[in-house]
């Protein structure tokens, strides 16, 4: 249980670092035209899930959260263009 929690936290930290490094800032959640944009919280949630899925060590969970968020963003952008 404690090991799984550490993987989730490491994945979330990786996603947080990715957001901070890419934008050099943290995008706060906001509501615009009736839609809720999660900002960095959405990335942290995705990173936490990916960190748990990688499920090998805290280091791979961190890098899973870091790389996974960017990969999903690229896949979603490519899908919306088609």
PDB file of N, CA and C in Angstrom:
ATOM      1  N   UNK A   1       0.819  -1.197   0.000  1.00  0.00           N
ATOM      2  CA  UNK A   1       0.000   0.000   0.000  1.00  0.00           C
ATOM      3  C   UNK A   1       0.865   1.264   0.000  1.00  0.00           C
ATOM      4  N   UNK A   2       1.841   1.292   0.902  1.00  0.00           N
ATOM      5  CA  UNK A   2       2.714   2.460   0.993  1.00  0.00           C
ATOM      6  C   UNK A   2       3.581   2.592  -0.262  1.00  0.00           C
ATOM      7  N   UNK A   3       4.002   1.454  -0.813  1.00  0.00           N
ATOM      8  CA  UNK A   3       4.816   1.482  -2.027  1.00  0.00           C
ATOM      9  C   UNK A   3       3.995   2.001  -3.208  1.00  0.00           C
ATOM     10  N   UNK A   4       2.738   1.593  -3.302  1.00  0.00           N
ATOM     11  CA  UNK A   4       1.859   2.084  -4.375  1.00  0.00           C
ATOM     12  C   UNK A   4       1.643   3.583  -4.253  1.00  0.00           C
ATOM     13  N   UNK A   5       1.480   4.055  -3.027  1.00  0.00           N
ATOM     14  CA  UNK A   5       1.304   5.491  -2.805  1.00  0.00           C
ATOM     15  C   UNK A   5       2.551   6.267  -3.216  1.00  0.00           C
ATOM     16  N   UNK A   6       3.731   5.706  -2.941  1.00  0.00           N
ATOM     17  CA  UNK A   6       4.962   6.395  -3.344  1.00  0.00           C
ATOM     18  C   UNK A   6       5.087   6.451  -4.868  1.00  0.00           C
ATOM     19  N   UNK A   7       4.621   5.407  -5.574  1.00  0.00           N
ATOM     20  CA  UNK A   7       4.636   5.441  -7.037  1.00  0.00           C
ATOM     21  C   UNK A   7       3.692   6.508  -7.576  1.00  0.00           C
ATOM     22  N   UNK A   8       2.526   6.628  -6.959  1.00  0.00           N
ATOM     23  CA  UNK A   8       1.550   7.644  -7.374  1.00  0.00           C
ATOM     24  C   UNK A   8       2.123   9.042  -7.151  1.00  0.00           C
ATOM     25  N   UNK A   9       2.738   9.259  -6.007  1.00  0.00           N
ATOM     26  CA  UNK A   9       3.319  10.573  -5.699  1.00  0.00           C
ATOM     27  C   UNK A   9       4.467  10.891  -6.651  1.00  0.00           C
ATOM     28  N   UNK A  10       5.315   9.920  -6.943  1.00  0.00           N
ATOM     29  CA  UNK A  10       6.440  10.150  -7.863  1.00  0.00           C
ATOM     30  C   UNK A  10       5.947  10.455  -9.273  1.00  0.00           C
ATOM     31  N   UNK A  11       4.901   9.766  -9.733  1.00  0.00           N
ATOM     32  CA  UNK A  11       4.325  10.067 -11.041  1.00  0.00           C
ATOM     33  C   UNK A  11       3.749  11.470 -11.089  1.00  0.00           C
ATOM     34  N   UNK A  12       3.071  11.869 -10.016  1.00  0.00           N
ATOM     35  CA  UNK A  12       2.511  13.224  -9.944  1.00  0.00           C
ATOM     36  C   UNK A  12       3.623  14.273  -9.926  1.00  0.00           C
ATOM     37  N   UNK A  13       4.700  13.985  -9.208  1.00  0.00           N
ATOM     38  CA  UNK A  13       5.828  14.919  -9.176  1.00  0.00           C
ATOM     39  C   UNK A  13       6.466  15.053 -10.554  1.00  0.00           C
ATOM     40  N   UNK A  14       6.573  13.952 -11.288  1.00  0.00           N
ATOM     41  CA  UNK A  14       7.123  14.012 -12.644  1.00  0.00           C
ATOM     42  C   UNK A  14       6.280  14.878 -13.557  1.00  0.00           C
ATOM     43  N   UNK A  15       4.957  14.745 -13.457  1.00  0.00           N
ATOM     44  CA  UNK A  15       4.068  15.571 -14.272  1.00  0.00           C
ATOM     45  C   UNK A  15       4.163  17.046 -13.875  1.00  0.00           C
ATOM     46  N   UNK A  16       4.289  17.311 -12.567  1.00  0.00           N
ATOM     47  CA  UNK A  16       4.422  18.687 -12.097  1.00  0.00           C
ATOM     48  C   UNK A  16       5.705  19.327 -12.614  1.00  0.00           C
ATOM     49  N   UNK A  17       6.797  18.567 -12.566  1.00  0.00           N
ATOM     50  CA  UNK A  17       8.074  19.079 -13.083  1.00  0.00           C
ATOM     51  C   UNK A  17       7.965  19.345 -14.579  1.00  0.00           C
ATOM     52  N   UNK A  18       7.301  18.450 -15.306  1.00  0.00           N
ATOM     53  CA  UNK A  18       7.124  18.634 -16.756  1.00  0.00           C
ATOM     54  C   UNK A  18       6.368  19.927 -17.052  1.00  0.00           C
ATOM     55  N   UNK A  19       5.300  20.161 -16.333  1.00  0.00           N
ATOM     56  CA  UNK A  19       4.524  21.387 -16.538  1.00  0.00           C
ATOM     57  C   UNK A  19       5.353  22.623 -16.204  1.00  0.00           C
ATOM     58  N   UNK A  20       6.119  22.559 -15.147  1.00  0.00           N
ATOM     59  CA  UNK A  20       6.928  23.705 -14.740  1.00  0.00           C
ATOM     60  C   UNK A  20       8.056  23.971 -15.732  1.00  0.00           C
ATOM     61  N   UNK A  21       8.701  22.934 -16.219  1.00  0.00           N
ATOM     62  CA  UNK A  21       9.824  23.093 -17.144  1.00  0.00           C
ATOM     63  C   UNK A  21       9.334  23.598 -18.504  1.00  0.00           C
ATOM     64  N   UNK A  22       8.232  23.040 -19.006  1.00  0.00           N
ATOM     65  CA  UNK A  22       7.731  23.435 -20.329  1.00  0.00           C
ATOM     66  C   UNK A  22       7.269  24.879 -20.378  1.00  0.00           C
ATOM     67  N   UNK A  23       6.486  25.294 -19.407  1.00  0.00           N
ATOM     68  CA  UNK A  23       5.885  26.625 -19.440  1.00  0.00           C
ATOM     69  C   UNK A  23       6.648  27.645 -18.615  1.00  0.00           C
ATOM     70  N   UNK A  24       7.580  27.183 -17.802  1.00  0.00           N
ATOM     71  CA  UNK A  24       8.307  28.039 -16.869  1.00  0.00           C
ATOM     72  C   UNK A  24       7.341  28.750 -15.922  1.00  0.00           C
ATOM     73  N   UNK A  25       6.160  28.152 -15.752  1.00  0.00           N
ATOM     74  CA  UNK A  25       5.135  28.668 -14.857  1.00  0.00           C
ATOM     75  C   UNK A  25       4.126  27.554 -14.606  1.00  0.00           C
ATOM     76  N   UNK A  26       3.240  27.788 -13.660  1.00  0.00           N
ATOM     77  CA  UNK A  26       2.176  26.836 -13.368  1.00  0.00           C
ATOM     78  C   UNK A  26       0.863  27.447 -13.823  1.00  0.00           C
ATOM     79  N   UNK A  27       0.113  26.705 -14.640  1.00  0.00           N
ATOM     80  CA  UNK A  27      -1.183  27.179 -15.113  1.00  0.00           C
ATOM     81  C   UNK A  27      -2.251  26.761 -14.113  1.00  0.00           C
ATOM     82  N   UNK A  28      -2.876  27.747 -13.500  1.00  0.00           N
ATOM     83  CA  UNK A  28      -3.890  27.468 -12.499  1.00  0.00           C
ATOM     84  C   UNK A  28      -5.204  27.057 -13.161  1.00  0.00           C
ATOM     85  N   UNK A  29      -6.022  26.285 -12.449  1.00  0.00           N
ATOM     86  CA  UNK A  29      -7.331  25.925 -13.000  1.00  0.00           C
ATOM     87  C   UNK A  29      -8.191  27.172 -13.208  1.00  0.00           C
ATOM     88  N   UNK A  30      -9.033  27.119 -14.238  1.00  0.00           N
ATOM     89  CA  UNK A  30      -9.905  28.263 -14.508  1.00  0.00           C
ATOM     90  C   UNK A  30     -11.194  27.784 -15.154  1.00  0.00           C
ATOM     91  N   UNK A  31     -12.210  28.610 -15.048  1.00  0.00           N
ATOM     92  CA  UNK A  31     -13.493  28.336 -15.680  1.00  0.00           C
ATOM     93  C   UNK A  31     -13.688  29.375 -16.771  1.00  0.00           C
ATOM     94  N   UNK A  32     -13.933  28.903 -18.000  1.00  0.00           N
ATOM     95  CA  UNK A  32     -14.057  29.800 -19.143  1.00  0.00           C
ATOM     96  C   UNK A  32     -15.212  29.317 -20.003  1.00  0.00           C
ATOM     97  N   UNK A  33     -16.187  30.181 -20.221  1.00  0.00           N
ATOM     98  CA  UNK A  33     -17.369  29.884 -21.028  1.00  0.00           C
ATOM     99  C   UNK A  33     -18.063  28.603 -20.571  1.00  0.00           C
ATOM    100  N   UNK A  34     -18.191  28.439 -19.277  1.00  0.00           N
ATOM    101  CA  UNK A  34     -18.886  27.287 -18.724  1.00  0.00           C
ATOM    102  C   UNK A  34     -18.089  26.001 -18.699  1.00  0.00           C
ATOM    103  N   UNK A  35     -16.833  26.041 -19.111  1.00  0.00           N
ATOM    104  CA  UNK A  35     -15.982  24.850 -19.102  1.00  0.00           C
ATOM    105  C   UNK A  35     -14.898  25.014 -18.049  1.00  0.00           C
ATOM    106  N   UNK A  36     -14.582  23.926 -17.383  1.00  0.00           N
ATOM    107  CA  UNK A  36     -13.537  23.931 -16.369  1.00  0.00           C
ATOM    108  C   UNK A  36     -12.252  23.385 -16.972  1.00  0.00           C
ATOM    109  N   UNK A  37     -11.205  24.190 -16.968  1.00  0.00           N
ATOM    110  CA  UNK A  37      -9.889  23.778 -17.438  1.00  0.00           C
ATOM    111  C   UNK A  37      -9.033  23.514 -16.201  1.00  0.00           C
ATOM    112  N   UNK A  38      -8.525  22.289 -16.099  1.00  0.00           N
ATOM    113  CA  UNK A  38      -7.839  21.868 -14.878  1.00  0.00           C
ATOM    114  C   UNK A  38      -6.432  22.421 -14.727  1.00  0.00           C
ATOM    115  N   UNK A  39      -5.816  22.848 -15.794  1.00  0.00           N
ATOM    116  CA  UNK A  39      -4.458  23.379 -15.701  1.00  0.00           C
ATOM    117  C   UNK A  39      -3.480  22.308 -15.250  1.00  0.00           C
ATOM    118  N   UNK A  40      -2.629  22.663 -14.299  1.00  0.00           N
ATOM    119  CA  UNK A  40      -1.599  21.719 -13.863  1.00  0.00           C
ATOM    120  C   UNK A  40      -2.180  20.569 -13.039  1.00  0.00           C
ATOM    121  N   UNK A  41      -3.375  20.742 -12.492  1.00  0.00           N
ATOM    122  CA  UNK A  41      -3.978  19.669 -11.701  1.00  0.00           C
ATOM    123  C   UNK A  41      -4.317  18.471 -12.584  1.00  0.00           C
ATOM    124  N   UNK A  42      -4.769  18.724 -13.810  1.00  0.00           N
ATOM    125  CA  UNK A  42      -5.040  17.634 -14.744  1.00  0.00           C
ATOM    126  C   UNK A  42      -3.783  16.858 -15.082  1.00  0.00           C
ATOM    127  N   UNK A  43      -2.689  17.569 -15.265  1.00  0.00           N
ATOM    128  CA  UNK A  43      -1.418  16.896 -15.550  1.00  0.00           C
ATOM    129  C   UNK A  43      -0.955  16.059 -14.375  1.00  0.00           C
ATOM    130  N   UNK A  44      -1.142  16.575 -13.178  1.00  0.00           N
ATOM    131  CA  UNK A  44      -0.744  15.832 -11.987  1.00  0.00           C
ATOM    132  C   UNK A  44      -1.576  14.557 -11.850  1.00  0.00           C
ATOM    133  N   UNK A  45      -2.866  14.642 -12.146  1.00  0.00           N
ATOM    134  CA  UNK A  45      -3.727  13.457 -12.061  1.00  0.00           C
ATOM    135  C   UNK A  45      -3.291  12.400 -13.079  1.00  0.00           C
ATOM    136  N   UNK A  46      -3.004  12.823 -14.298  1.00  0.00           N
ATOM    137  CA  UNK A  46      -2.539  11.890 -15.332  1.00  0.00           C
ATOM    138  C   UNK A  46      -1.192  11.293 -14.938  1.00  0.00           C
ATOM    139  N   UNK A  47      -0.285  12.132 -14.458  1.00  0.00           N
ATOM    140  CA  UNK A  47       1.030  11.648 -14.034  1.00  0.00           C
ATOM    141  C   UNK A  47       0.937  10.652 -12.897  1.00  0.00           C
ATOM    142  N   UNK A  48       0.014  10.874 -11.966  1.00  0.00           N
ATOM    143  CA  UNK A  48      -0.159   9.947 -10.845  1.00  0.00           C
ATOM    144  C   UNK A  48      -0.650   8.587 -11.347  1.00  0.00           C
ATOM    145  N   UNK A  49      -1.590   8.599 -12.277  1.00  0.00           N
ATOM    146  CA  UNK A  49      -2.101   7.342 -12.835  1.00  0.00           C
ATOM    147  C   UNK A  49      -1.000   6.615 -13.599  1.00  0.00           C
ATOM    148  N   UNK A  50      -0.266   7.350 -14.427  1.00  0.00           N
ATOM    149  CA  UNK A  50       0.804   6.720 -15.201  1.00  0.00           C
ATOM    150  C   UNK A  50       1.938   6.223 -14.303  1.00  0.00           C
ATOM    151  N   UNK A  51       2.222   6.952 -13.245  1.00  0.00           N
ATOM    152  CA  UNK A  51       3.238   6.501 -12.298  1.00  0.00           C
ATOM    153  C   UNK A  51       2.862   5.184 -11.645  1.00  0.00           C
ATOM    154  N   UNK A  52       1.592   5.009 -11.364  1.00  0.00           N
ATOM    155  CA  UNK A  52       1.130   3.749 -10.783  1.00  0.00           C
ATOM    156  C   UNK A  52       1.144   2.623 -11.810  1.00  0.00           C
ATOM    157  N   UNK A  53       0.788   2.943 -13.055  1.00  0.00           N
ATOM    158  CA  UNK A  53       0.756   1.928 -14.108  1.00  0.00           C
ATOM    159  C   UNK A  53       2.167   1.410 -14.416  1.00  0.00           C
ATOM    160  N   UNK A  54       3.151   2.306 -14.435  1.00  0.00           N
ATOM    161  CA  UNK A  54       4.533   1.884 -14.706  1.00  0.00           C
ATOM    162  C   UNK A  54       4.962   0.854 -13.661  1.00  0.00           C
ATOM    163  N   UNK A  55       4.680   1.132 -12.393  1.00  0.00           N
ATOM    164  CA  UNK A  55       4.761   0.168 -11.298  1.00  0.00           C
ATOM    165  C   UNK A  55       6.061  -0.633 -11.253  1.00  0.00           C
ATOM    166  N   UNK A  56       7.181   0.023 -11.329  1.00  0.00           N
ATOM    167  CA  UNK A  56       8.457  -0.672 -11.222  1.00  0.00           C
ATOM    168  C   UNK A  56       9.276  -0.108 -10.070  1.00  0.00           C
ATOM    169  N   UNK A  57       9.577   1.161 -10.132  1.00  0.00           N
ATOM    170  CA  UNK A  57      10.317   1.819  -9.060  1.00  0.00           C
ATOM    171  C   UNK A  57       9.891   3.288  -9.037  1.00  0.00           C
ATOM    172  N   UNK A  58      10.179   3.993  -7.956  1.00  0.00           N
ATOM    173  CA  UNK A  58       9.812   5.412  -7.902  1.00  0.00           C
ATOM    174  C   UNK A  58      10.468   6.246  -9.005  1.00  0.00           C
ATOM    175  N   UNK A  59      11.651   5.863  -9.429  1.00  0.00           N
ATOM    176  CA  UNK A  59      12.333   6.617 -10.489  1.00  0.00           C
ATOM    177  C   UNK A  59      11.609   6.443 -11.820  1.00  0.00           C
ATOM    178  N   UNK A  60      11.239   5.208 -12.148  1.00  0.00           N
ATOM    179  CA  UNK A  60      10.507   5.000 -13.403  1.00  0.00           C
ATOM    180  C   UNK A  60       9.106   5.584 -13.317  1.00  0.00           C
ATOM    181  N   UNK A  61       8.513   5.616 -12.137  1.00  0.00           N
ATOM    182  CA  UNK A  61       7.210   6.256 -11.973  1.00  0.00           C
ATOM    183  C   UNK A  61       7.329   7.762 -12.236  1.00  0.00           C
ATOM    184  N   UNK A  62       8.403   8.371 -11.735  1.00  0.00           N
ATOM    185  CA  UNK A  62       8.636   9.796 -11.968  1.00  0.00           C
ATOM    186  C   UNK A  62       8.758  10.079 -13.463  1.00  0.00           C
ATOM    187  N   UNK A  63       9.589   9.300 -14.141  1.00  0.00           N
ATOM    188  CA  UNK A  63       9.776   9.531 -15.571  1.00  0.00           C
ATOM    189  C   UNK A  63       8.553   9.116 -16.385  1.00  0.00           C
ATOM    190  N   UNK A  64       7.780   8.160 -15.882  1.00  0.00           N
ATOM    191  CA  UNK A  64       6.519   7.816 -16.531  1.00  0.00           C
ATOM    192  C   UNK A  64       5.549   8.981 -16.479  1.00  0.00           C
ATOM    193  N   UNK A  65       5.458   9.642 -15.337  1.00  0.00           N
ATOM    194  CA  UNK A  65       4.615  10.829 -15.213  1.00  0.00           C
ATOM    195  C   UNK A  65       5.128  11.984 -16.049  1.00  0.00           C
ATOM    196  N   UNK A  66       6.449  12.131 -16.096  1.00  0.00           N
ATOM    197  CA  UNK A  66       7.062  13.219 -16.865  1.00  0.00           C
ATOM    198  C   UNK A  66       6.828  13.039 -18.363  1.00  0.00           C
ATOM    199  N   UNK A  67       7.126  11.857 -18.872  1.00  0.00           N
ATOM    200  CA  UNK A  67       7.026  11.615 -20.313  1.00  0.00           C
ATOM    201  C   UNK A  67       5.596  11.332 -20.751  1.00  0.00           C
ATOM    202  N   UNK A  68       4.817  10.722 -19.881  1.00  0.00           N
ATOM    203  CA  UNK A  68       3.465  10.335 -20.254  1.00  0.00           C
ATOM    204  C   UNK A  68       2.561  11.511 -20.545  1.00  0.00           C
ATOM    205  N   UNK A  69       2.681  12.573 -19.782  1.00  0.00           N
ATOM    206  CA  UNK A  69       1.843  13.755 -19.991  1.00  0.00           C
ATOM    207  C   UNK A  69       2.138  14.375 -21.352  1.00  0.00           C
ATOM    208  N   UNK A  70       3.394  14.521 -21.688  1.00  0.00           N
ATOM    209  CA  UNK A  70       3.766  15.081 -22.991  1.00  0.00           C
ATOM    210  C   UNK A  70       3.314  14.209 -24.143  1.00  0.00           C
ATOM    211  N   UNK A  71       3.427  12.904 -23.971  1.00  0.00           N
ATOM    212  CA  UNK A  71       3.000  11.975 -25.018  1.00  0.00           C
ATOM    213  C   UNK A  71       1.502  12.061 -25.246  1.00  0.00           C
ATOM    214  N   UNK A  72       0.736  12.088 -24.169  1.00  0.00           N
ATOM    215  CA  UNK A  72      -0.717  12.203 -24.323  1.00  0.00           C
ATOM    216  C   UNK A  72      -1.129  13.528 -24.950  1.00  0.00           C
ATOM    217  N   UNK A  73      -0.447  14.613 -24.585  1.00  0.00           N
ATOM    218  CA  UNK A  73      -0.754  15.915 -25.188  1.00  0.00           C
ATOM    219  C   UNK A  73      -0.504  15.888 -26.691  1.00  0.00           C
ATOM    220  N   UNK A  74       0.606  15.302 -27.104  1.00  0.00           N
ATOM    221  CA  UNK A  74       0.916  15.223 -28.535  1.00  0.00           C
ATOM    222  C   UNK A  74      -0.102  14.362 -29.275  1.00  0.00           C
ATOM    223  N   UNK A  75      -0.495  13.237 -28.678  1.00  0.00           N
ATOM    224  CA  UNK A  75      -1.488  12.367 -29.311  1.00  0.00           C
ATOM    225  C   UNK A  75      -2.835  13.071 -29.451  1.00  0.00           C
ATOM    226  N   UNK A  76      -3.232  13.808 -28.447  1.00  0.00           N
ATOM    227  CA  UNK A  76      -4.510  14.508 -28.519  1.00  0.00           C
ATOM    228  C   UNK A  76      -4.477  15.649 -29.527  1.00  0.00           C
ATOM    229  N   UNK A  77      -3.360  16.357 -29.625  1.00  0.00           N
ATOM    230  CA  UNK A  77      -3.243  17.422 -30.614  1.00  0.00           C
ATOM    231  C   UNK A  77      -3.283  16.866 -32.020  1.00  0.00           C
ATOM    232  N   UNK A  78      -2.594  15.754 -32.280  1.00  0.00           N
ATOM    233  CA  UNK A  78      -2.595  15.140 -33.606  1.00  0.00           C
ATOM    234  C   UNK A  78      -3.981  14.624 -33.966  1.00  0.00           C
ATOM    235  N   UNK A  79      -4.702  14.095 -33.012  1.00  0.00           N
ATOM    236  CA  UNK A  79      -6.035  13.567 -33.280  1.00  0.00           C
ATOM    237  C   UNK A  79      -7.005  14.693 -33.614  1.00  0.00           C
ATOM    238  N   UNK A  80      -6.869  15.852 -32.970  1.00  0.00           N
ATOM    239  CA  UNK A  80      -7.797  16.951 -33.204  1.00  0.00           C
ATOM    240  C   UNK A  80      -7.554  17.612 -34.561  1.00  0.00           C
ATOM    241  N   UNK A  81      -6.355  17.466 -35.131  1.00  0.00           N
ATOM    242  CA  UNK A  81      -6.050  18.062 -36.421  1.00  0.00           C
ATOM    243  C   UNK A  81      -6.724  17.290 -37.542  1.00  0.00           C
ATOM    244  N   UNK A  82      -6.817  15.975 -37.434  1.00  0.00           N
ATOM    245  CA  UNK A  82      -7.352  15.134 -38.498  1.00  0.00           C
ATOM    246  C   UNK A  82      -8.822  15.281 -38.700  1.00  0.00           C
TER     247      UNK A  82
END
